[in-house]
Amino acid sequence: MNLQDILTSIEPLDEAAMAAARERQAQLAKPPGSLGRLEDLSIQVAGITGKVHNRMERKHLLVFAADNGVVAEGVSSAPQSVTLMQTINLTRHKTGASTLCRHFGCGITVCDVGVNADIREPKVLNRKIAYGTQNIAQGPAMTREQAITGIRTGYELARSTDADILGVGEMGIGNTTTSSAVLSALLDVDVEAVTGRGGGITDGAFVKKKAVIRQALEINRPDPGDVVDVLSKVGGFDICAMCGAFLGAASSRRPVVIDGFISAVAALCAFRLCPTVSGYLIPSHASYEIGYKLAMDAMGLEPIFLLGMRLGEGSGCPLAFEIVDAACAVLNDMATFDQAGIDDGYLDEIRRGDSFTVEGKA
């Protein structure tokens, strides 16, 4: 399947199902809008699946692992070998994201799309495109063909994963550097506005990180109107595959959860390729990384919760799965006014306007 076929396989949300879900929300025995984002999420999920009543019983996190040649520039405090070790540890429930998956009973698939080592752990899915990308400070990260291969890999894995809801995470030392470069290129904003400290670096290393990203953008000159060009020049195999996973989830009409900064940049890539994808995206936490909000704003999305998280791996996804599941449970199981034996006529005047916002506190 070529990239155009992937993009044309994605259809808009089901407006009739959303209208029916919205009508049912209005009938539930509660003040209008009193469950806030839970109501919005239940209506969104109805639009995604085409059904008013949904249950998120099968929840699955996809984690794409890859190394980045730019670590040779000293942009990360962690050695590249950490990618290999944590990729394996993800399959053994020893990392933050995999521990949360086990706690909540979520499935997890760890996919090697570019780790700079041979992995002999059978639980790691081998879809290696190359042994890490090239150094973006010296030239393109990968070929255009490799970028498309990465997108297709993520798309196919998402499509083939048996789940009601998917989450998309990553593992790769140096990938906040590549994500910042991609975001700077796509939004045509200064490196300062999108670059944070990632996993934690010294002041000196932080200055160098921003200089390296600027150098990469100047040398490679990615075309902001061509997502694949941006990914191939300053991205990573993990970001490409994550982008594909968002497309694959949307193509198969399933909600898909964004983790933090890197996941958000990959989602933005998917959105730029196919704006219809936005209806299928559910952000989890507000990442601590500075560029996260810019990526969210570019897609018109808002995170569900703020916990000061910046781990990555997909760690926000298991938490968001539970919130989406709760949103569906309310719509499915809460009593209507009729079922509760309550005359809801007292709400007529309130429903005609906004009777909940305190002036000056909106």
Protein backbone atom coordinates (compact mmCIF):
# COMPACT_ATOMS: atom_id res chain seq x y z
CA MET A 1 0.00 0.00 0.00
CA ASN A 2 1.43 3.38 -0.98
CA LEU A 3 1.13 6.55 1.09
CA GLN A 4 -1.76 7.97 -0.92
CA ASP A 5 -3.75 4.77 -0.44
CA ILE A 6 -3.14 5.03 3.31
CA LEU A 7 -4.39 8.60 3.43
CA THR A 8 -7.51 7.97 1.35
CA SER A 9 -8.49 5.06 3.62
CA ILE A 10 -9.28 7.49 6.46
CA GLU A 11 -12.89 8.65 6.67
CA PRO A 12 -14.53 11.48 8.67
CA LEU A 13 -16.25 10.84 11.98
CA ASP A 14 -19.83 9.56 11.91
CA GLU A 15 -21.89 12.70 12.53
CA ALA A 16 -25.15 10.75 13.00
CA ALA A 17 -23.61 8.61 15.76
CA MET A 18 -22.22 11.73 17.43
CA ALA A 19 -25.64 13.41 17.31
CA ALA A 20 -27.25 10.34 18.87
CA ALA A 21 -24.61 10.24 21.61
CA ARG A 22 -25.09 13.95 22.25
CA GLU A 23 -28.84 13.41 22.54
CA ARG A 24 -28.36 10.58 25.01
CA GLN A 25 -26.02 12.75 27.09
CA ALA A 26 -28.79 15.35 27.28
CA GLN A 27 -31.16 12.69 28.64
CA LEU A 28 -28.87 11.48 31.43
CA ALA A 29 -29.87 12.42 34.98
CA LYS A 30 -27.39 15.25 35.58
CA PRO A 31 -27.04 18.98 34.96
CA PRO A 32 -26.14 19.65 31.31
CA GLY A 33 -22.40 19.38 30.66
CA SER A 34 -21.64 18.55 34.30
CA LEU A 35 -19.30 15.70 33.40
CA GLY A 36 -17.22 17.97 31.19
CA ARG A 37 -14.57 16.26 29.08
CA LEU A 38 -16.05 12.83 29.84
CA GLU A 39 -19.12 13.84 27.86
CA ASP A 40 -17.01 15.16 24.99
CA LEU A 41 -14.94 11.99 24.88
CA SER A 42 -17.98 9.71 24.79
CA ILE A 43 -19.40 11.69 21.86
CA GLN A 44 -16.04 11.62 20.06
CA VAL A 45 -15.72 7.86 20.49
CA ALA A 46 -19.24 7.43 19.09
CA GLY A 47 -18.17 9.37 16.02
CA ILE A 48 -15.07 7.22 15.66
CA THR A 49 -16.78 3.83 15.92
CA GLY A 50 -20.17 4.76 14.49
CA LYS A 51 -21.87 3.38 17.63
CA VAL A 52 -23.40 5.24 20.57
CA HIS A 53 -22.53 2.52 23.06
CA ASN A 54 -18.86 1.57 23.29
CA ARG A 55 -16.64 -0.22 25.77
CA MET A 56 -12.87 0.07 25.84
CA GLU A 57 -12.20 -3.49 26.99
CA ARG A 58 -9.10 -4.17 24.88
CA LYS A 59 -6.48 -1.46 25.37
CA HIS A 60 -3.09 -1.62 23.71
CA LEU A 61 0.07 0.49 23.68
CA LEU A 62 2.38 0.49 20.65
CA VAL A 63 5.96 1.54 21.40
CA PHE A 64 8.37 2.20 18.54
CA ALA A 65 12.08 2.07 19.33
CA ALA A 66 14.90 3.60 17.29
CA ASP A 67 18.27 5.28 17.67
CA ASN A 68 19.22 8.69 16.37
CA GLY A 69 22.59 9.55 14.85
CA VAL A 70 22.44 13.07 16.25
CA VAL A 71 23.39 11.78 19.73
CA ALA A 72 26.98 11.94 18.44
CA GLU A 73 26.67 15.71 18.89
CA GLY A 74 26.24 15.41 22.67
CA VAL A 75 22.59 16.47 22.79
CA SER A 76 21.59 13.89 25.42
CA SER A 77 22.87 13.05 28.88
CA ALA A 78 22.12 9.34 28.39
CA PRO A 79 24.31 7.08 26.24
CA GLN A 80 22.83 5.52 23.13
CA SER A 81 23.01 2.07 24.73
CA VAL A 82 20.06 3.03 26.94
CA THR A 83 17.77 2.69 23.92
CA LEU A 84 18.64 -1.00 23.60
CA MET A 85 18.31 -1.74 27.31
CA GLN A 86 15.00 0.07 27.75
CA THR A 87 13.56 -1.46 24.59
CA ILE A 88 14.15 -4.87 26.14
CA ASN A 89 12.97 -3.69 29.58
CA LEU A 90 9.69 -2.51 28.07
CA THR A 91 8.87 -6.14 27.26
CA ARG A 92 9.66 -7.17 30.85
CA HIS A 93 7.41 -4.59 32.56
CA LYS A 94 10.42 -2.82 34.05
CA THR A 95 9.83 0.67 32.63
CA GLY A 96 7.32 3.34 33.58
CA ALA A 97 4.99 2.76 30.63
CA SER A 98 5.09 -1.03 30.77
CA THR A 99 4.53 -1.03 34.54
CA LEU A 100 1.42 1.10 34.05
CA CYS A 101 0.25 -1.21 31.27
CA ARG A 102 0.56 -4.22 33.53
CA HIS A 103 -1.18 -2.40 36.39
CA PHE A 104 -4.19 -1.52 34.24
CA GLY A 105 -4.23 -4.74 32.22
CA CYS A 106 -3.27 -3.13 28.91
CA GLY A 107 -1.48 -4.93 26.12
CA ILE A 108 1.86 -3.62 24.88
CA THR A 109 3.81 -4.21 21.68
CA VAL A 110 7.42 -3.05 21.45
CA CYS A 111 8.59 -2.63 17.86
CA ASP A 112 12.21 -2.11 16.80
CA VAL A 113 12.23 0.17 13.76
CA GLY A 114 15.82 1.37 14.08
CA VAL A 115 17.70 0.43 17.25
CA ASN A 116 21.46 0.53 16.63
CA ALA A 117 21.97 -3.07 17.74
CA ASP A 118 20.71 -6.57 17.09
CA ILE A 119 18.00 -7.40 19.62
CA ARG A 120 17.72 -11.02 20.64
CA GLU A 121 14.68 -10.57 22.86
CA PRO A 122 11.88 -12.50 21.07
CA LYS A 123 9.18 -10.24 22.54
CA VAL A 124 10.55 -7.26 20.60
CA LEU A 125 8.95 -7.12 17.17
CA ASN A 126 11.67 -6.73 14.53
CA ARG A 127 10.76 -4.17 11.88
CA LYS A 128 14.22 -2.58 11.73
CA ILE A 129 14.63 -0.13 8.85
CA ALA A 130 18.30 0.58 9.61
CA TYR A 131 20.69 0.62 12.56
CA GLY A 132 19.76 4.14 13.63
CA THR A 133 19.41 7.27 11.53
CA GLN A 134 22.24 9.39 10.19
CA ASN A 135 23.39 12.49 12.06
CA ILE A 136 20.99 15.30 11.11
CA ALA A 137 23.65 17.89 11.99
CA GLN A 138 25.65 16.64 9.02
CA GLY A 139 22.96 15.64 6.51
CA PRO A 140 19.56 13.95 6.09
CA ALA A 141 18.43 11.51 8.77
CA MET A 142 17.26 8.97 6.19
CA THR A 143 16.09 8.60 2.62
CA ARG A 144 12.58 9.53 1.58
CA GLU A 145 11.92 5.83 0.89
CA GLN A 146 12.97 4.92 4.43
CA ALA A 147 10.63 7.56 5.88
CA ILE A 148 7.70 6.12 3.91
CA THR A 149 8.68 2.62 5.01
CA GLY A 150 8.55 3.81 8.61
CA ILE A 151 5.09 5.31 8.12
CA ARG A 152 3.85 2.14 6.47
CA THR A 153 5.31 0.00 9.26
CA GLY A 154 3.41 1.91 11.95
CA TYR A 155 0.24 1.94 9.87
CA GLU A 156 0.28 -1.82 9.34
CA LEU A 157 1.04 -2.59 12.99
CA ALA A 158 -1.81 -0.38 14.20
CA ARG A 159 -4.22 -1.90 11.69
CA SER A 160 -3.30 -5.45 12.72
CA THR A 161 -3.43 -4.91 16.50
CA ASP A 162 -6.56 -6.33 18.11
CA ALA A 163 -7.77 -3.55 20.41
CA ASP A 164 -10.66 -1.18 21.05
CA ILE A 165 -8.29 1.72 21.73
CA LEU A 166 -4.63 2.25 20.90
CA GLY A 167 -1.85 4.37 22.37
CA VAL A 168 1.37 5.43 20.68
CA GLY A 169 4.72 5.76 22.46
CA GLU A 170 8.45 5.61 21.73
CA MET A 171 11.90 4.75 22.98
CA GLY A 172 15.03 6.34 21.59
CA ILE A 173 17.80 8.43 23.07
CA GLY A 174 18.02 11.78 21.29
CA ASN A 175 14.46 11.82 20.03
CA THR A 176 13.45 15.07 21.71
CA THR A 177 16.13 16.65 19.51
CA THR A 178 14.67 15.19 16.31
CA SER A 179 11.12 15.97 17.45
CA SER A 180 12.03 19.60 18.11
CA ALA A 181 13.64 19.82 14.68
CA VAL A 182 10.54 18.35 13.01
CA LEU A 183 8.21 20.68 14.93
CA SER A 184 10.31 23.75 14.17
CA ALA A 185 10.25 22.87 10.47
CA LEU A 186 6.52 22.06 10.28
CA LEU A 187 5.40 25.18 12.15
CA ASP A 188 8.17 27.45 10.84
CA VAL A 189 8.96 28.65 14.35
CA ASP A 190 12.28 29.36 16.02
CA VAL A 191 14.16 26.50 17.67
CA GLU A 192 13.93 28.31 21.04
CA ALA A 193 10.15 27.97 21.00
CA VAL A 194 10.10 24.20 20.60
CA THR A 195 13.19 22.88 22.35
CA GLY A 196 13.27 21.63 25.93
CA ARG A 197 15.72 19.67 28.02
CA GLY A 198 14.36 16.24 27.18
CA GLY A 199 15.49 13.67 29.73
CA GLY A 200 17.55 16.31 31.52
CA ILE A 201 20.78 18.01 30.41
CA THR A 202 23.16 20.65 31.72
CA ASP A 203 22.88 24.29 30.75
CA GLY A 204 25.84 23.92 28.42
CA ALA A 205 24.39 20.84 26.74
CA PHE A 206 21.05 22.62 26.37
CA VAL A 207 22.69 25.50 24.50
CA LYS A 208 24.46 22.97 22.29
CA LYS A 209 21.25 21.04 21.65
CA LYS A 210 19.55 24.14 20.27
CA ALA A 211 22.59 25.00 18.16
CA VAL A 212 22.65 21.47 16.72
CA ILE A 213 18.96 21.68 15.78
CA ARG A 214 19.53 25.03 14.07
CA GLN A 215 22.47 23.55 12.20
CA ALA A 216 20.39 20.56 11.11
CA LEU A 217 17.63 22.80 9.79
CA GLU A 218 20.09 25.05 7.96
CA ILE A 219 21.96 22.15 6.35
CA ASN A 220 18.94 20.07 5.37
CA ARG A 221 16.38 22.81 4.63
CA PRO A 222 13.27 20.63 5.04
CA ASP A 223 10.17 21.69 3.14
CA PRO A 224 7.44 22.54 5.71
CA GLY A 225 4.79 21.74 3.12
CA ASP A 226 6.07 18.19 2.66
CA VAL A 227 5.79 16.09 5.82
CA VAL A 228 7.76 13.19 4.37
CA ASP A 229 10.57 15.57 3.39
CA VAL A 230 10.70 16.95 6.94
CA LEU A 231 10.74 13.47 8.46
CA SER A 232 13.40 12.18 6.12
CA LYS A 233 15.69 15.15 6.68
CA VAL A 234 15.45 15.84 10.42
CA GLY A 235 13.17 13.14 11.89
CA GLY A 236 13.64 9.63 13.24
CA PHE A 237 12.43 6.15 12.40
CA ASP A 238 10.38 6.16 15.61
CA ILE A 239 8.56 9.37 14.65
CA CYS A 240 7.83 8.01 11.17
CA ALA A 241 6.37 4.78 12.55
CA MET A 242 4.36 6.64 15.19
CA CYS A 243 2.94 8.89 12.49
CA GLY A 244 1.91 5.76 10.62
CA ALA A 245 0.34 4.25 13.72
CA PHE A 246 -1.92 7.29 14.15
CA LEU A 247 -2.95 6.94 10.51
CA GLY A 248 -3.56 3.20 10.96
CA ALA A 249 -5.76 3.67 14.01
CA ALA A 250 -7.85 6.27 12.18
CA SER A 251 -8.09 4.07 9.09
CA SER A 252 -9.50 1.24 11.23
CA ARG A 253 -11.88 3.63 13.05
CA ARG A 254 -10.44 3.31 16.53
CA PRO A 255 -9.55 6.03 19.03
CA VAL A 256 -5.82 6.54 19.45
CA VAL A 257 -4.11 8.21 22.41
CA ILE A 258 -1.23 10.66 22.11
CA ASP A 259 1.40 10.40 24.86
CA GLY A 260 3.74 13.36 25.36
CA PHE A 261 5.88 15.66 23.23
CA ILE A 262 7.38 13.17 20.77
CA SER A 263 4.07 11.39 20.31
CA ALA A 264 2.39 14.78 19.76
CA VAL A 265 4.89 15.71 17.04
CA ALA A 266 4.25 12.37 15.31
CA ALA A 267 0.49 13.00 15.59
CA LEU A 268 1.00 16.44 14.04
CA CYS A 269 2.80 14.78 11.13
CA ALA A 270 -0.20 12.47 10.65
CA PHE A 271 -2.55 15.46 10.90
CA ARG A 272 -0.60 17.41 8.30
CA LEU A 273 -0.75 14.41 5.95
CA CYS A 274 -4.48 13.92 6.57
CA PRO A 275 -6.37 16.53 8.65
CA THR A 276 -9.29 14.10 9.11
CA VAL A 277 -7.06 12.20 11.55
CA SER A 278 -7.65 14.85 14.23
CA GLY A 279 -11.07 13.43 15.09
CA TYR A 280 -9.50 10.12 16.08
CA LEU A 281 -6.80 11.64 18.31
CA ILE A 282 -7.12 11.77 22.11
CA PRO A 283 -4.30 13.60 23.92
CA SER A 284 -3.40 12.21 27.33
CA HIS A 285 -1.23 14.43 29.52
CA ALA A 286 0.16 17.91 29.00
CA SER A 287 3.85 17.28 28.48
CA TYR A 288 6.40 19.30 30.41
CA GLU A 289 8.30 19.88 27.14
CA ILE A 290 8.00 23.45 25.83
CA GLY A 291 7.02 22.49 22.28
CA TYR A 292 4.09 20.31 23.31
CA LYS A 293 1.50 23.11 23.50
CA LEU A 294 2.46 24.40 20.05
CA ALA A 295 1.87 20.94 18.59
CA MET A 296 -1.48 20.67 20.37
CA ASP A 297 -2.57 24.13 19.24
CA ALA A 298 -1.65 23.30 15.65
CA MET A 299 -4.10 20.37 15.79
CA GLY A 300 -6.77 22.16 17.83
CA LEU A 301 -6.44 19.66 20.68
CA GLU A 302 -6.24 19.89 24.47
CA PRO A 303 -4.77 17.30 26.85
CA ILE A 304 -7.00 15.52 29.34
CA PHE A 305 -4.79 15.87 32.39
CA LEU A 306 -1.78 17.70 33.81
CA LEU A 307 0.59 15.67 35.99
CA GLY A 308 3.95 17.25 35.17
CA MET A 309 4.93 14.13 33.22
CA ARG A 310 7.83 14.02 30.72
CA LEU A 311 8.92 10.37 30.67
CA GLY A 312 7.74 9.38 27.21
CA GLU A 313 7.52 5.67 26.33
CA GLY A 314 3.74 6.04 26.02
CA SER A 315 3.40 6.39 29.79
CA GLY A 316 0.40 8.71 29.55
CA CYS A 317 -1.59 6.28 27.42
CA PRO A 318 -2.61 3.68 30.04
CA LEU A 319 -3.92 6.48 32.25
CA ALA A 320 -5.89 8.01 29.39
CA PHE A 321 -7.32 4.61 28.42
CA GLU A 322 -9.05 4.48 31.81
CA ILE A 323 -10.52 7.94 31.40
CA VAL A 324 -11.88 7.14 27.94
CA ASP A 325 -13.29 3.88 29.28
CA ALA A 326 -14.97 5.82 32.10
CA ALA A 327 -16.45 8.26 29.59
CA CYS A 328 -18.00 5.38 27.67
CA ALA A 329 -19.29 3.78 30.88
CA VAL A 330 -21.17 6.95 31.83
CA LEU A 331 -22.89 7.11 28.46
CA ASN A 332 -23.70 3.40 28.54
CA ASP A 333 -24.81 2.86 32.11
CA MET A 334 -25.96 6.08 33.73
CA ALA A 335 -29.72 6.41 34.22
CA THR A 336 -31.76 8.83 32.13
CA PHE A 337 -34.15 11.27 33.80
CA ASP A 338 -37.05 8.98 32.90
CA GLN A 339 -35.29 5.92 34.34
CA ALA A 340 -34.46 7.84 37.50
CA GLY A 341 -38.06 9.04 37.88
CA ILE A 342 -37.07 12.72 37.68
CA ASP A 343 -38.97 15.42 35.79
CA ASP A 344 -36.22 17.39 34.07
CA GLY A 345 -38.43 20.38 33.25
CA TYR A 346 -36.56 22.43 35.85
CA LEU A 347 -33.55 22.43 33.51
CA ASP A 348 -35.34 23.99 30.51
CA GLU A 349 -34.26 27.55 31.26
CA ILE A 350 -30.72 26.46 32.10
CA ARG A 351 -30.44 24.56 28.82
CA ARG A 352 -31.29 27.70 26.88
CA GLY A 353 -28.15 29.48 28.06
CA ASP A 354 -24.93 29.26 30.02
CA SER A 355 -25.95 29.11 33.68
CA PHE A 356 -22.74 27.61 34.99
CA THR A 357 -19.95 30.07 34.25
CA VAL A 358 -19.26 32.64 36.96
CA GLU A 359 -18.65 36.05 35.40
CA GLY A 360 -14.94 36.70 35.07
CA LYS A 361 -14.08 33.04 35.77
CA ALA A 362 -14.54 31.55 32.30
